[in-house]
Amino acid sequence: MTYPAPREERKPCAVPPIMTNSNAPTCVRDFCLRVLQRGDLSTKLSAPLDDQGRALPDPRTDTAVHIDRPARNLGLRMRGGRDRLPRPGQLKDPEHRRLCLSRFAHHELMAIELFAWALLRWPSLPQPLRRGLLSALVDEQRHCRLYLARLDAHGGHFETDDHSDYFWRQVPAIAAAPAGPRAFLAAVGLTLEQANLDFTLTYRDGFAEAGDIESAHVCQTIHDEEIVHVALAARWMNRLSEHEISDPSEAPETDLDRYLAAVPFPLGPARAKGRRFEAAPRRRAGLSEALIDHVRQARSTTERGIESAEPPRRKRD
């Protein structure tokens, strides 16, 4: 199913403008520090460009920067817990549409911060991977702006100080994982973003059925770009596994093995999907049928009716 491009918004938009100025960052490291250490939305959504509008250099360094939580100004502060999202069938209610758009925009904001976090945490990653992570960060900035523009069109407000910290609660486990950057790729690219392949299409259809074709189009656009992000994670999981494991006989053989060996608990295949499972975009991202089927069949500890505890690595959820 396809949807027409959204019509141009006539009203003034509250989304921060894209800004470049004499106070622009000087390198990728400086840019990432600003994203995490400055609390305003405008800085977090500013492009990684120098004061002449050029791409930032990314000189090699072996000095990692560890940041536990991002700075957030009043209005953007996070809290624990997650409220349940309205179901797609409830989106005929404008308040439910506003709630979904705000939540989705914040997911994108956390993704921006997490990609900046990874670039600082592992400064010696191969340059092609660093460029891929920075490109994904820029995509997430655009996604956040798209959702914010739709939220503004609905008369909603984003800076409400009630944002979930769900993505950031995964950071301690990622940081402590022996797999290092592979744990990040497994957690963010192959779990959170893989799940979004389902959610974007589910809510695309929900918005469309509610008559909000513009928001449906935004969901489709973001879905298409998430496929690229999942493909990036899968490709580099393979390359880093081959590079980091000196004994080839100890290297995981398949993308499913590599994922299960790297993904930090409590994330895992049961959290890498939505209720409506979409196999086609996973195939387009290059995931194997074994990994796709494993995720499709995965059940959380709650669904299986057992207490939450870390299961054996090969069968983890």
C-alpha atoms as a PDB file:
ATOM      1  CA  MET A   1       0.000   0.000   0.000  1.00  0.00           C
ATOM      2  CA  THR A   2       1.322   3.452  -0.901  1.00  0.00           C
ATOM      3  CA  TYR A   3       0.298   6.883   0.308  1.00  0.00           C
ATOM      4  CA  PRO A   4       0.558  10.261  -1.396  1.00  0.00           C
ATOM      5  CA  ALA A   5       3.222  12.712  -0.284  1.00  0.00           C
ATOM      6  CA  PRO A   6       2.072  14.962   2.540  1.00  0.00           C
ATOM      7  CA  ARG A   7       0.849  18.386   1.550  1.00  0.00           C
ATOM      8  CA  GLU A   8       2.849  21.383   2.665  1.00  0.00           C
ATOM      9  CA  GLU A   9       1.953  22.645   6.136  1.00  0.00           C
ATOM     10  CA  ARG A  10       0.523  26.167   6.086  1.00  0.00           C
ATOM     11  CA  LYS A  11       0.944  26.979   9.772  1.00  0.00           C
ATOM     12  CA  PRO A  12       4.191  28.033  11.453  1.00  0.00           C
ATOM     13  CA  CYS A  13       6.091  25.023  12.752  1.00  0.00           C
ATOM     14  CA  ALA A  14       7.552  24.775  16.238  1.00  0.00           C
ATOM     15  CA  VAL A  15      10.320  22.416  15.084  1.00  0.00           C
ATOM     16  CA  PRO A  16      13.745  23.993  15.780  1.00  0.00           C
ATOM     17  CA  PRO A  17      15.360  25.377  12.604  1.00  0.00           C
ATOM     18  CA  ILE A  18      18.454  23.721  11.165  1.00  0.00           C
ATOM     19  CA  MET A  19      21.266  26.024  12.204  1.00  0.00           C
ATOM     20  CA  THR A  20      24.899  26.474  11.186  1.00  0.00           C
ATOM     21  CA  ASN A  21      26.990  29.324  12.579  1.00  0.00           C
ATOM     22  CA  SER A  22      30.422  30.399  13.765  1.00  0.00           C
ATOM     23  CA  ASN A  23      29.937  28.340  16.911  1.00  0.00           C
ATOM     24  CA  ALA A  24      29.573  25.128  14.907  1.00  0.00           C
ATOM     25  CA  PRO A  25      31.384  21.948  15.986  1.00  0.00           C
ATOM     26  CA  THR A  26      34.893  21.386  14.640  1.00  0.00           C
ATOM     27  CA  CYS A  27      34.870  17.582  14.339  1.00  0.00           C
ATOM     28  CA  VAL A  28      32.587  14.562  14.782  1.00  0.00           C
ATOM     29  CA  ARG A  29      33.747  14.094  18.374  1.00  0.00           C
ATOM     30  CA  ASP A  30      32.883  17.705  19.224  1.00  0.00           C
ATOM     31  CA  PHE A  31      29.488  17.309  17.552  1.00  0.00           C
ATOM     32  CA  CYS A  32      28.666  14.143  19.534  1.00  0.00           C
ATOM     33  CA  LEU A  33      29.710  15.796  22.800  1.00  0.00           C
ATOM     34  CA  ARG A  34      27.333  18.661  22.066  1.00  0.00           C
ATOM     35  CA  VAL A  35      24.461  16.263  21.360  1.00  0.00           C
ATOM     36  CA  LEU A  36      24.944  14.592  24.732  1.00  0.00           C
ATOM     37  CA  GLN A  37      26.149  17.449  26.932  1.00  0.00           C
ATOM     38  CA  ARG A  38      23.770  20.182  25.800  1.00  0.00           C
ATOM     39  CA  GLY A  39      20.172  19.830  26.852  1.00  0.00           C
ATOM     40  CA  ASP A  40      18.327  21.894  24.240  1.00  0.00           C
ATOM     41  CA  LEU A  41      16.442  20.324  21.356  1.00  0.00           C
ATOM     42  CA  SER A  42      17.923  22.690  18.778  1.00  0.00           C
ATOM     43  CA  THR A  43      21.477  21.486  19.452  1.00  0.00           C
ATOM     44  CA  LYS A  44      20.443  17.832  19.378  1.00  0.00           C
ATOM     45  CA  LEU A  45      18.801  18.344  15.984  1.00  0.00           C
ATOM     46  CA  SER A  46      21.587  20.486  14.486  1.00  0.00           C
ATOM     47  CA  ALA A  47      23.409  19.047  11.487  1.00  0.00           C
ATOM     48  CA  PRO A  48      26.977  17.679  11.856  1.00  0.00           C
ATOM     49  CA  LEU A  49      28.459  20.460   9.720  1.00  0.00           C
ATOM     50  CA  ASP A  50      31.186  23.032  10.262  1.00  0.00           C
ATOM     51  CA  ASP A  51      30.682  26.796  10.093  1.00  0.00           C
ATOM     52  CA  GLN A  52      30.966  26.651   6.286  1.00  0.00           C
ATOM     53  CA  GLY A  53      28.307  23.956   5.987  1.00  0.00           C
ATOM     54  CA  ARG A  54      30.854  21.231   5.213  1.00  0.00           C
ATOM     55  CA  ALA A  55      31.011  17.685   6.562  1.00  0.00           C
ATOM     56  CA  LEU A  56      32.971  17.437   9.792  1.00  0.00           C
ATOM     57  CA  PRO A  57      36.359  15.704   9.916  1.00  0.00           C
ATOM     58  CA  ASP A  58      36.637  12.596  12.078  1.00  0.00           C
ATOM     59  CA  PRO A  59      40.314  12.297  13.078  1.00  0.00           C
ATOM     60  CA  ARG A  60      41.288   9.004  14.663  1.00  0.00           C
ATOM     61  CA  THR A  61      41.690   8.892  18.437  1.00  0.00           C
ATOM     62  CA  ASP A  62      42.010   6.086  20.969  1.00  0.00           C
ATOM     63  CA  THR A  63      40.486   8.097  23.832  1.00  0.00           C
ATOM     64  CA  ALA A  64      36.968   6.932  24.586  1.00  0.00           C
ATOM     65  CA  VAL A  65      34.380   9.140  26.268  1.00  0.00           C
ATOM     66  CA  HIS A  66      31.880   7.525  28.635  1.00  0.00           C
ATOM     67  CA  ILE A  67      28.630   9.403  29.228  1.00  0.00           C
ATOM     68  CA  ASP A  68      25.986   7.711  31.366  1.00  0.00           C
ATOM     69  CA  ARG A  69      22.990   9.922  30.530  1.00  0.00           C
ATOM     70  CA  PRO A  70      22.365  12.831  28.150  1.00  0.00           C
ATOM     71  CA  ALA A  71      21.767  16.369  29.349  1.00  0.00           C
ATOM     72  CA  ARG A  72      18.126  17.372  28.969  1.00  0.00           C
ATOM     73  CA  ASN A  73      16.642  20.847  29.457  1.00  0.00           C
ATOM     74  CA  LEU A  74      13.379  21.481  31.230  1.00  0.00           C
ATOM     75  CA  GLY A  75      10.622  19.945  29.120  1.00  0.00           C
ATOM     76  CA  LEU A  76      12.787  17.165  27.676  1.00  0.00           C
ATOM     77  CA  ARG A  77      13.536  15.347  30.913  1.00  0.00           C
ATOM     78  CA  MET A  78      13.041  11.583  31.050  1.00  0.00           C
ATOM     79  CA  ARG A  79      11.395   9.433  33.689  1.00  0.00           C
ATOM     80  CA  GLY A  80      11.288   5.710  34.327  1.00  0.00           C
ATOM     81  CA  GLY A  81       8.583   3.453  33.027  1.00  0.00           C
ATOM     82  CA  ARG A  82       6.545   3.357  29.860  1.00  0.00           C
ATOM     83  CA  ASP A  83       2.867   4.110  29.364  1.00  0.00           C
ATOM     84  CA  ARG A  84       1.121   1.858  26.870  1.00  0.00           C
ATOM     85  CA  LEU A  85       0.813   3.310  23.377  1.00  0.00           C
ATOM     86  CA  PRO A  86      -2.667   3.796  21.961  1.00  0.00           C
ATOM     87  CA  ARG A  87      -3.538   0.962  19.610  1.00  0.00           C
ATOM     88  CA  PRO A  88      -3.713   1.740  15.864  1.00  0.00           C
ATOM     89  CA  GLY A  89      -7.496   1.431  15.950  1.00  0.00           C
ATOM     90  CA  GLN A  90      -7.679   4.249  18.515  1.00  0.00           C
ATOM     91  CA  LEU A  91      -6.006   6.841  16.284  1.00  0.00           C
ATOM     92  CA  LYS A  92      -9.272   8.404  15.182  1.00  0.00           C
ATOM     93  CA  ASP A  93      -9.063  10.239  18.497  1.00  0.00           C
ATOM     94  CA  PRO A  94      -6.816  13.318  17.916  1.00  0.00           C
ATOM     95  CA  GLU A  95      -5.415  13.050  21.449  1.00  0.00           C
ATOM     96  CA  HIS A  96      -4.251   9.516  20.755  1.00  0.00           C
ATOM     97  CA  ARG A  97      -2.595  10.666  17.531  1.00  0.00           C
ATOM     98  CA  ARG A  98      -0.787  13.422  19.426  1.00  0.00           C
ATOM     99  CA  LEU A  99       0.397  10.944  22.062  1.00  0.00           C
ATOM    100  CA  CYS A 100       1.775   8.551  19.428  1.00  0.00           C
ATOM    101  CA  LEU A 101       3.528  11.295  17.474  1.00  0.00           C
ATOM    102  CA  SER A 102       5.150  12.650  20.634  1.00  0.00           C
ATOM    103  CA  ARG A 103       6.278   9.191  21.703  1.00  0.00           C
ATOM    104  CA  PHE A 104       7.671   8.377  18.264  1.00  0.00           C
ATOM    105  CA  ALA A 105       9.537  11.699  18.105  1.00  0.00           C
ATOM    106  CA  HIS A 106      11.142  10.934  21.452  1.00  0.00           C
ATOM    107  CA  HIS A 107      12.211   7.485  20.275  1.00  0.00           C
ATOM    108  CA  GLU A 108      14.030   9.220  17.436  1.00  0.00           C
ATOM    109  CA  LEU A 109      15.601  11.728  19.841  1.00  0.00           C
ATOM    110  CA  MET A 110      16.934   8.902  22.010  1.00  0.00           C
ATOM    111  CA  ALA A 111      18.292   7.183  18.884  1.00  0.00           C
ATOM    112  CA  ILE A 112      20.161  10.380  17.952  1.00  0.00           C
ATOM    113  CA  GLU A 113      21.747  10.428  21.396  1.00  0.00           C
ATOM    114  CA  LEU A 114      22.593   6.717  21.327  1.00  0.00           C
ATOM    115  CA  PHE A 115      24.415   6.960  18.009  1.00  0.00           C
ATOM    116  CA  ALA A 116      26.394   9.914  19.381  1.00  0.00           C
ATOM    117  CA  TRP A 117      27.095   7.856  22.514  1.00  0.00           C
ATOM    118  CA  ALA A 118      28.456   4.953  20.434  1.00  0.00           C
ATOM    119  CA  LEU A 119      30.717   7.214  18.342  1.00  0.00           C
ATOM    120  CA  LEU A 120      32.257   8.568  21.551  1.00  0.00           C
ATOM    121  CA  ARG A 121      32.410   5.202  23.315  1.00  0.00           C
ATOM    122  CA  TRP A 122      34.288   3.410  20.511  1.00  0.00           C
ATOM    123  CA  PRO A 123      36.417   6.045  18.742  1.00  0.00           C
ATOM    124  CA  SER A 124      38.656   3.500  16.978  1.00  0.00           C
ATOM    125  CA  LEU A 125      35.888   1.769  15.019  1.00  0.00           C
ATOM    126  CA  PRO A 126      36.624   1.355  11.293  1.00  0.00           C
ATOM    127  CA  GLN A 127      35.997   4.609   9.468  1.00  0.00           C
ATOM    128  CA  PRO A 128      33.322   3.153   7.149  1.00  0.00           C
ATOM    129  CA  LEU A 129      31.339   2.035  10.204  1.00  0.00           C
ATOM    130  CA  ARG A 130      31.756   5.420  11.903  1.00  0.00           C
ATOM    131  CA  ARG A 131      30.471   7.099   8.745  1.00  0.00           C
ATOM    132  CA  GLY A 132      27.532   4.697   8.706  1.00  0.00           C
ATOM    133  CA  LEU A 133      26.668   5.449  12.342  1.00  0.00           C
ATOM    134  CA  LEU A 134      26.888   9.199  11.740  1.00  0.00           C
ATOM    135  CA  SER A 135      24.693   8.853   8.653  1.00  0.00           C
ATOM    136  CA  ALA A 136      22.142   6.914  10.720  1.00  0.00           C
ATOM    137  CA  LEU A 137      22.255   9.674  13.354  1.00  0.00           C
ATOM    138  CA  VAL A 138      21.436  12.251  10.679  1.00  0.00           C
ATOM    139  CA  ASP A 139      18.537  10.078   9.502  1.00  0.00           C
ATOM    140  CA  GLU A 140      17.238   9.952  13.090  1.00  0.00           C
ATOM    141  CA  GLN A 141      17.411  13.755  13.288  1.00  0.00           C
ATOM    142  CA  ARG A 142      15.283  13.979  10.157  1.00  0.00           C
ATOM    143  CA  HIS A 143      12.840  11.386  11.519  1.00  0.00           C
ATOM    144  CA  CYS A 144      12.493  13.340  14.755  1.00  0.00           C
ATOM    145  CA  ARG A 145      11.766  16.522  12.801  1.00  0.00           C
ATOM    146  CA  LEU A 146       9.157  14.746  10.689  1.00  0.00           C
ATOM    147  CA  TYR A 147       7.291  13.516  13.759  1.00  0.00           C
ATOM    148  CA  LEU A 148       7.606  16.899  15.474  1.00  0.00           C
ATOM    149  CA  ALA A 149       6.161  18.633  12.429  1.00  0.00           C
ATOM    150  CA  ARG A 150       3.176  16.291  12.473  1.00  0.00           C
ATOM    151  CA  LEU A 151       2.778  16.790  16.225  1.00  0.00           C
ATOM    152  CA  ASP A 152       2.814  20.543  15.673  1.00  0.00           C
ATOM    153  CA  ALA A 153       0.208  20.195  12.923  1.00  0.00           C
ATOM    154  CA  HIS A 154      -2.020  18.427  15.461  1.00  0.00           C
ATOM    155  CA  GLY A 155      -1.548  21.212  18.004  1.00  0.00           C
ATOM    156  CA  GLY A 156       0.494  18.971  20.300  1.00  0.00           C
ATOM    157  CA  HIS A 157       3.390  19.804  22.598  1.00  0.00           C
ATOM    158  CA  PHE A 158       6.643  17.869  22.840  1.00  0.00           C
ATOM    159  CA  GLU A 159       8.482  19.456  25.767  1.00  0.00           C
ATOM    160  CA  THR A 160       6.287  17.986  28.504  1.00  0.00           C
ATOM    161  CA  ASP A 161       8.872  16.389  30.852  1.00  0.00           C
ATOM    162  CA  ASP A 162       7.132  13.011  30.759  1.00  0.00           C
ATOM    163  CA  HIS A 163       9.350  11.130  28.301  1.00  0.00           C
ATOM    164  CA  SER A 164      10.261   7.491  28.882  1.00  0.00           C
ATOM    165  CA  ASP A 165      13.930   6.592  29.336  1.00  0.00           C
ATOM    166  CA  TYR A 166      13.450   3.078  27.912  1.00  0.00           C
ATOM    167  CA  PHE A 167      16.280   3.233  25.358  1.00  0.00           C
ATOM    168  CA  TRP A 168      18.690   4.799  27.846  1.00  0.00           C
ATOM    169  CA  ARG A 169      17.936   2.124  30.423  1.00  0.00           C
ATOM    170  CA  GLN A 170      19.613  -0.348  28.054  1.00  0.00           C
ATOM    171  CA  VAL A 171      22.915   1.573  28.000  1.00  0.00           C
ATOM    172  CA  PRO A 172      24.516   0.083  31.157  1.00  0.00           C
ATOM    173  CA  ALA A 173      24.072  -3.448  29.791  1.00  0.00           C
ATOM    174  CA  ILE A 174      25.442  -2.418  26.375  1.00  0.00           C
ATOM    175  CA  ALA A 175      28.432  -0.687  27.967  1.00  0.00           C
ATOM    176  CA  ALA A 176      29.248  -3.688  30.165  1.00  0.00           C
ATOM    177  CA  ALA A 177      28.803  -6.327  27.449  1.00  0.00           C
ATOM    178  CA  PRO A 178      31.956  -8.245  26.429  1.00  0.00           C
ATOM    179  CA  ALA A 179      30.922  -7.880  22.793  1.00  0.00           C
ATOM    180  CA  GLY A 180      31.560  -4.102  22.906  1.00  0.00           C
ATOM    181  CA  PRO A 181      30.376  -2.371  19.720  1.00  0.00           C
ATOM    182  CA  ARG A 182      28.770  -5.594  18.520  1.00  0.00           C
ATOM    183  CA  ALA A 183      26.504  -5.391  21.565  1.00  0.00           C
ATOM    184  CA  PHE A 184      25.480  -1.894  20.461  1.00  0.00           C
ATOM    185  CA  LEU A 185      24.719  -3.057  16.919  1.00  0.00           C
ATOM    186  CA  ALA A 186      22.739  -6.013  18.268  1.00  0.00           C
ATOM    187  CA  ALA A 187      20.800  -3.914  20.790  1.00  0.00           C
ATOM    188  CA  VAL A 188      20.049  -0.855  18.677  1.00  0.00           C
ATOM    189  CA  GLY A 189      20.188  -1.975  15.056  1.00  0.00           C
ATOM    190  CA  LEU A 190      19.031  -5.575  15.340  1.00  0.00           C
ATOM    191  CA  THR A 191      16.583  -5.214  18.232  1.00  0.00           C
ATOM    192  CA  LEU A 192      15.134  -1.714  18.643  1.00  0.00           C
ATOM    193  CA  GLU A 193      15.329  -0.745  14.969  1.00  0.00           C
ATOM    194  CA  GLN A 194      14.314  -4.197  13.782  1.00  0.00           C
ATOM    195  CA  ALA A 195      11.185  -3.904  15.931  1.00  0.00           C
ATOM    196  CA  ASN A 196      10.483  -0.543  14.316  1.00  0.00           C
ATOM    197  CA  LEU A 197      10.193  -2.274  10.944  1.00  0.00           C
ATOM    198  CA  ASP A 198       6.928  -3.654  12.326  1.00  0.00           C
ATOM    199  CA  PHE A 199       5.738  -0.661  14.341  1.00  0.00           C
ATOM    200  CA  THR A 200       6.146   1.854  11.514  1.00  0.00           C
ATOM    201  CA  LEU A 201       3.907  -0.172   9.193  1.00  0.00           C
ATOM    202  CA  THR A 202       1.359  -0.951  11.898  1.00  0.00           C
ATOM    203  CA  TYR A 203       0.969   2.726  12.773  1.00  0.00           C
ATOM    204  CA  ARG A 204       1.206   3.805   9.135  1.00  0.00           C
ATOM    205  CA  ASP A 205      -1.985   1.871   8.531  1.00  0.00           C
ATOM    206  CA  GLY A 206      -3.541   3.145  11.763  1.00  0.00           C
ATOM    207  CA  PHE A 207      -2.927   6.768  10.821  1.00  0.00           C
ATOM    208  CA  ALA A 208      -4.220   6.163   7.294  1.00  0.00           C
ATOM    209  CA  GLU A 209      -7.423   4.544   8.549  1.00  0.00           C
ATOM    210  CA  ALA A 210      -7.916   7.552  10.831  1.00  0.00           C
ATOM    211  CA  GLY A 211      -7.652   9.871   7.799  1.00  0.00           C
ATOM    212  CA  ASP A 212      -4.203  11.224   8.704  1.00  0.00           C
ATOM    213  CA  ILE A 213      -2.467  10.483   5.413  1.00  0.00           C
ATOM    214  CA  GLU A 214       0.414  12.882   6.150  1.00  0.00           C
ATOM    215  CA  SER A 215       1.411  10.989   9.304  1.00  0.00           C
ATOM    216  CA  ALA A 216       0.991   7.684   7.450  1.00  0.00           C
ATOM    217  CA  HIS A 217       3.432   8.930   4.835  1.00  0.00           C
ATOM    218  CA  VAL A 218       5.931   9.902   7.553  1.00  0.00           C
ATOM    219  CA  CYS A 219       5.740   6.376   9.010  1.00  0.00           C
ATOM    220  CA  GLN A 220       6.399   4.889   5.567  1.00  0.00           C
ATOM    221  CA  THR A 221       9.391   7.161   4.991  1.00  0.00           C
ATOM    222  CA  ILE A 222      10.912   6.236   8.341  1.00  0.00           C
ATOM    223  CA  HIS A 223      10.221   2.545   7.754  1.00  0.00           C
ATOM    224  CA  ASP A 224      12.128   2.622   4.472  1.00  0.00           C
ATOM    225  CA  GLU A 225      15.166   4.229   6.100  1.00  0.00           C
ATOM    226  CA  GLU A 226      15.071   1.864   9.078  1.00  0.00           C
ATOM    227  CA  ILE A 227      15.689  -0.997   6.648  1.00  0.00           C
ATOM    228  CA  VAL A 228      19.021   0.639   5.809  1.00  0.00           C
ATOM    229  CA  HIS A 229      19.894   0.934   9.506  1.00  0.00           C
ATOM    230  CA  VAL A 230      19.104  -2.723  10.188  1.00  0.00           C
ATOM    231  CA  ALA A 231      21.208  -3.703   7.167  1.00  0.00           C
ATOM    232  CA  LEU A 232      24.109  -1.592   8.480  1.00  0.00           C
ATOM    233  CA  ALA A 233      23.977  -3.365  11.847  1.00  0.00           C
ATOM    234  CA  ALA A 234      23.776  -6.832  10.297  1.00  0.00           C
ATOM    235  CA  ARG A 235      26.639  -6.189   7.885  1.00  0.00           C
ATOM    236  CA  TRP A 236      28.975  -4.828  10.548  1.00  0.00           C
ATOM    237  CA  MET A 237      28.083  -7.488  13.099  1.00  0.00           C
ATOM    238  CA  ASN A 238      29.557  -9.946  10.603  1.00  0.00           C
ATOM    239  CA  ARG A 239      32.650  -7.861   9.841  1.00  0.00           C
ATOM    240  CA  LEU A 240      33.460  -7.061  13.467  1.00  0.00           C
ATOM    241  CA  SER A 241      32.980 -10.694  14.493  1.00  0.00           C
ATOM    242  CA  GLU A 242      35.506 -11.797  11.882  1.00  0.00           C
ATOM    243  CA  HIS A 243      37.941  -9.051  12.913  1.00  0.00           C
ATOM    244  CA  GLU A 244      37.705  -9.380  16.718  1.00  0.00           C
ATOM    245  CA  ILE A 245      37.765 -13.175  17.129  1.00  0.00           C
ATOM    246  CA  SER A 246      41.273 -14.466  16.458  1.00  0.00           C
ATOM    247  CA  ASP A 247      40.344 -18.157  16.284  1.00  0.00           C
ATOM    248  CA  PRO A 248      37.988 -18.698  13.321  1.00  0.00           C
ATOM    249  CA  SER A 249      36.696 -21.906  14.902  1.00  0.00           C
ATOM    250  CA  GLU A 250      35.269 -19.845  17.783  1.00  0.00           C
ATOM    251  CA  ALA A 251      33.491 -17.307  15.582  1.00  0.00           C
ATOM    252  CA  PRO A 252      29.685 -17.544  15.396  1.00  0.00           C
ATOM    253  CA  GLU A 253      28.754 -19.102  12.071  1.00  0.00           C
ATOM    254  CA  THR A 254      25.465 -17.364  11.192  1.00  0.00           C
ATOM    255  CA  ASP A 255      23.863 -13.966  11.657  1.00  0.00           C
ATOM    256  CA  LEU A 256      21.527 -15.576  14.216  1.00  0.00           C
ATOM    257  CA  ASP A 257      24.497 -16.957  16.169  1.00  0.00           C
ATOM    258  CA  ARG A 258      26.257 -13.585  16.016  1.00  0.00           C
ATOM    259  CA  TYR A 259      23.157 -11.771  17.214  1.00  0.00           C
ATOM    260  CA  LEU A 260      22.483 -14.125  20.120  1.00  0.00           C
ATOM    261  CA  ALA A 261      26.142 -14.028  21.143  1.00  0.00           C
ATOM    262  CA  ALA A 262      26.199 -10.229  21.286  1.00  0.00           C
ATOM    263  CA  VAL A 263      22.761  -8.912  22.288  1.00  0.00           C
ATOM    264  CA  PRO A 264      22.787  -7.786  25.948  1.00  0.00           C
ATOM    265  CA  PHE A 265      20.080  -8.991  28.310  1.00  0.00           C
ATOM    266  CA  PRO A 266      17.243  -8.047  28.751  1.00  0.00           C
ATOM    267  CA  LEU A 267      17.085  -7.220  25.050  1.00  0.00           C
ATOM    268  CA  GLY A 268      16.770 -10.065  22.600  1.00  0.00           C
ATOM    269  CA  PRO A 269      14.638 -11.521  19.804  1.00  0.00           C
ATOM    270  CA  ALA A 270      11.329 -11.218  21.668  1.00  0.00           C
ATOM    271  CA  ARG A 271      11.867  -7.444  21.763  1.00  0.00           C
ATOM    272  CA  ALA A 272      12.956  -7.232  18.136  1.00  0.00           C
ATOM    273  CA  LYS A 273       9.423  -7.243  16.741  1.00  0.00           C
ATOM    274  CA  GLY A 274       5.943  -5.829  17.018  1.00  0.00           C
ATOM    275  CA  ARG A 275       2.652  -7.668  17.313  1.00  0.00           C
ATOM    276  CA  ARG A 276       2.276  -7.602  13.526  1.00  0.00           C
ATOM    277  CA  PHE A 277       5.364  -9.314  12.170  1.00  0.00           C
ATOM    278  CA  GLU A 278       6.727  -8.177   8.793  1.00  0.00           C
ATOM    279  CA  ALA A 279       9.186 -10.578   7.166  1.00  0.00           C
ATOM    280  CA  ALA A 280       9.648  -8.723   3.849  1.00  0.00           C
ATOM    281  CA  PRO A 281      11.543  -5.661   5.176  1.00  0.00           C
ATOM    282  CA  ARG A 282      13.817  -7.954   7.198  1.00  0.00           C
ATOM    283  CA  ARG A 283      14.694  -9.811   4.015  1.00  0.00           C
ATOM    284  CA  ARG A 284      15.391  -6.497   2.293  1.00  0.00           C
ATOM    285  CA  ALA A 285      17.764  -5.662   5.176  1.00  0.00           C
ATOM    286  CA  GLY A 286      19.671  -8.869   4.431  1.00  0.00           C
ATOM    287  CA  LEU A 287      18.655 -10.884   7.494  1.00  0.00           C
ATOM    288  CA  SER A 288      18.731 -14.650   7.053  1.00  0.00           C
ATOM    289  CA  GLU A 289      15.610 -16.779   7.134  1.00  0.00           C
ATOM    290  CA  ALA A 290      16.953 -18.436  10.297  1.00  0.00           C
ATOM    291  CA  LEU A 291      17.183 -15.112  12.130  1.00  0.00           C
ATOM    292  CA  ILE A 292      13.812 -13.953  10.806  1.00  0.00           C
ATOM    293  CA  ASP A 293      12.096 -17.157  11.902  1.00  0.00           C
ATOM    294  CA  HIS A 294      13.784 -17.086  15.312  1.00  0.00           C
ATOM    295  CA  VAL A 295      12.537 -13.551  15.962  1.00  0.00           C
ATOM    296  CA  ARG A 296       9.069 -14.408  14.644  1.00  0.00           C
ATOM    297  CA  GLN A 297       8.754 -17.319  17.065  1.00  0.00           C
ATOM    298  CA  ALA A 298      10.469 -15.700  20.073  1.00  0.00           C
ATOM    299  CA  ARG A 299       8.362 -15.282  23.193  1.00  0.00           C
ATOM    300  CA  SER A 300       9.093 -13.077  26.168  1.00  0.00           C
ATOM    301  CA  THR A 301       9.306 -14.514  29.657  1.00  0.00           C
ATOM    302  CA  THR A 302       5.953 -12.879  30.401  1.00  0.00           C
ATOM    303  CA  GLU A 303       4.344 -14.537  27.386  1.00  0.00           C
ATOM    304  CA  ARG A 304       5.745 -17.903  28.458  1.00  0.00           C
ATOM    305  CA  GLY A 305       4.422 -17.375  31.973  1.00  0.00           C
ATOM    306  CA  ILE A 306       7.754 -17.721  33.750  1.00  0.00           C
ATOM    307  CA  GLU A 307       9.759 -15.388  35.922  1.00  0.00           C
ATOM    308  CA  SER A 308      12.113 -13.014  34.174  1.00  0.00           C
ATOM    309  CA  ALA A 309      15.639 -14.390  34.354  1.00  0.00           C
ATOM    310  CA  GLU A 310      18.524 -14.508  31.932  1.00  0.00           C
ATOM    311  CA  PRO A 311      18.131 -17.698  29.869  1.00  0.00           C
ATOM    312  CA  PRO A 312      20.914 -19.691  28.198  1.00  0.00           C
ATOM    313  CA  ARG A 313      22.641 -17.661  25.486  1.00  0.00           C
ATOM    314  CA  ARG A 314      21.485 -19.706  22.466  1.00  0.00           C
ATOM    315  CA  LYS A 315      17.803 -19.448  23.404  1.00  0.00           C
ATOM    316  CA  ARG A 316      17.713 -16.021  24.895  1.00  0.00           C
ATOM    317  CA  ASP A 317      14.764 -13.677  24.469  1.00  0.00           C
END
